[in-house]
Amino acid sequence: MENFAFEVQLNVLGYELQATEKIVNGENESRVIRQNVDFDIDILSLELGLAYYFGANRR
């Protein structure tokens, strides 16, 4: 059992950056920067895995 690993992946954290500029007649009118950080738990996106490591050293 030393060479086995049980892996769990759950996508819960996201980050989004949006920068917008409004230009009228060649001059900068405004610039808006929005940053979103979201935390979302979705049980249906849970991913499970089992891994075996070949050639792992025994202690």
Protein backbone atom coordinates (compact mmCIF):
# COMPACT_ATOMS: atom_id res chain seq x y z
CA MET A 1 0.00 0.00 0.00
CA GLU A 2 3.03 2.33 0.19
CA ASN A 3 3.06 3.04 -3.55
CA PHE A 4 -0.65 3.91 -3.82
CA ALA A 5 -2.22 7.34 -3.51
CA PHE A 6 -5.85 8.42 -3.41
CA GLU A 7 -6.43 11.78 -5.14
CA VAL A 8 -9.38 14.16 -4.85
CA GLN A 9 -9.90 17.24 -7.04
CA LEU A 10 -12.59 19.84 -6.49
CA ASN A 11 -12.68 23.08 -8.50
CA VAL A 12 -13.81 25.65 -5.96
CA LEU A 13 -11.85 28.86 -6.55
CA GLY A 14 -11.92 31.12 -9.59
CA TYR A 15 -10.41 34.48 -10.57
CA GLU A 16 -11.42 36.80 -13.41
CA LEU A 17 -9.90 40.13 -14.51
CA GLN A 18 -11.61 42.45 -16.97
CA ALA A 19 -10.22 45.81 -18.11
CA THR A 20 -12.23 48.14 -20.39
CA GLU A 21 -11.32 51.48 -21.91
CA LYS A 22 -13.73 53.91 -23.51
CA ILE A 23 -12.13 56.26 -26.05
CA VAL A 24 -13.97 59.18 -27.66
CA ASN A 25 -12.34 61.32 -30.38
CA GLY A 26 -8.89 59.81 -29.72
CA GLU A 27 -8.85 60.75 -26.01
CA ASN A 28 -9.14 58.48 -23.00
CA GLU A 29 -12.58 58.93 -21.53
CA SER A 30 -12.63 56.24 -18.88
CA ARG A 31 -11.02 53.00 -17.80
CA VAL A 32 -12.78 50.36 -15.74
CA ILE A 33 -11.00 47.42 -14.09
CA ARG A 34 -13.08 44.65 -12.56
CA GLN A 35 -11.68 41.77 -10.54
CA ASN A 36 -13.84 38.83 -9.53
CA VAL A 37 -12.89 36.11 -7.09
CA ASP A 38 -15.49 33.41 -6.63
CA PHE A 39 -15.78 30.44 -4.35
CA ASP A 40 -18.12 27.76 -5.66
CA ILE A 41 -18.65 24.28 -4.26
CA ASP A 42 -20.17 21.89 -6.77
CA ILE A 43 -20.35 18.32 -5.54
CA LEU A 44 -21.03 17.08 -9.08
CA SER A 45 -17.58 18.30 -10.22
CA LEU A 46 -15.79 16.15 -7.64
CA GLU A 47 -13.07 14.04 -9.30
CA LEU A 48 -11.59 11.00 -7.59
CA GLY A 49 -8.50 9.09 -8.60
CA LEU A 50 -6.25 6.25 -7.56
CA ALA A 51 -2.56 6.37 -8.46
CA TYR A 52 0.24 3.83 -8.27
CA TYR A 53 3.85 5.02 -8.24
CA PHE A 54 6.25 2.68 -10.05
CA GLY A 55 9.79 2.43 -8.78
CA ALA A 56 9.10 4.13 -5.44
CA ASN A 57 11.85 3.52 -2.91
CA ARG A 58 11.04 1.36 0.08
CA ARG A 59 12.24 2.65 3.42
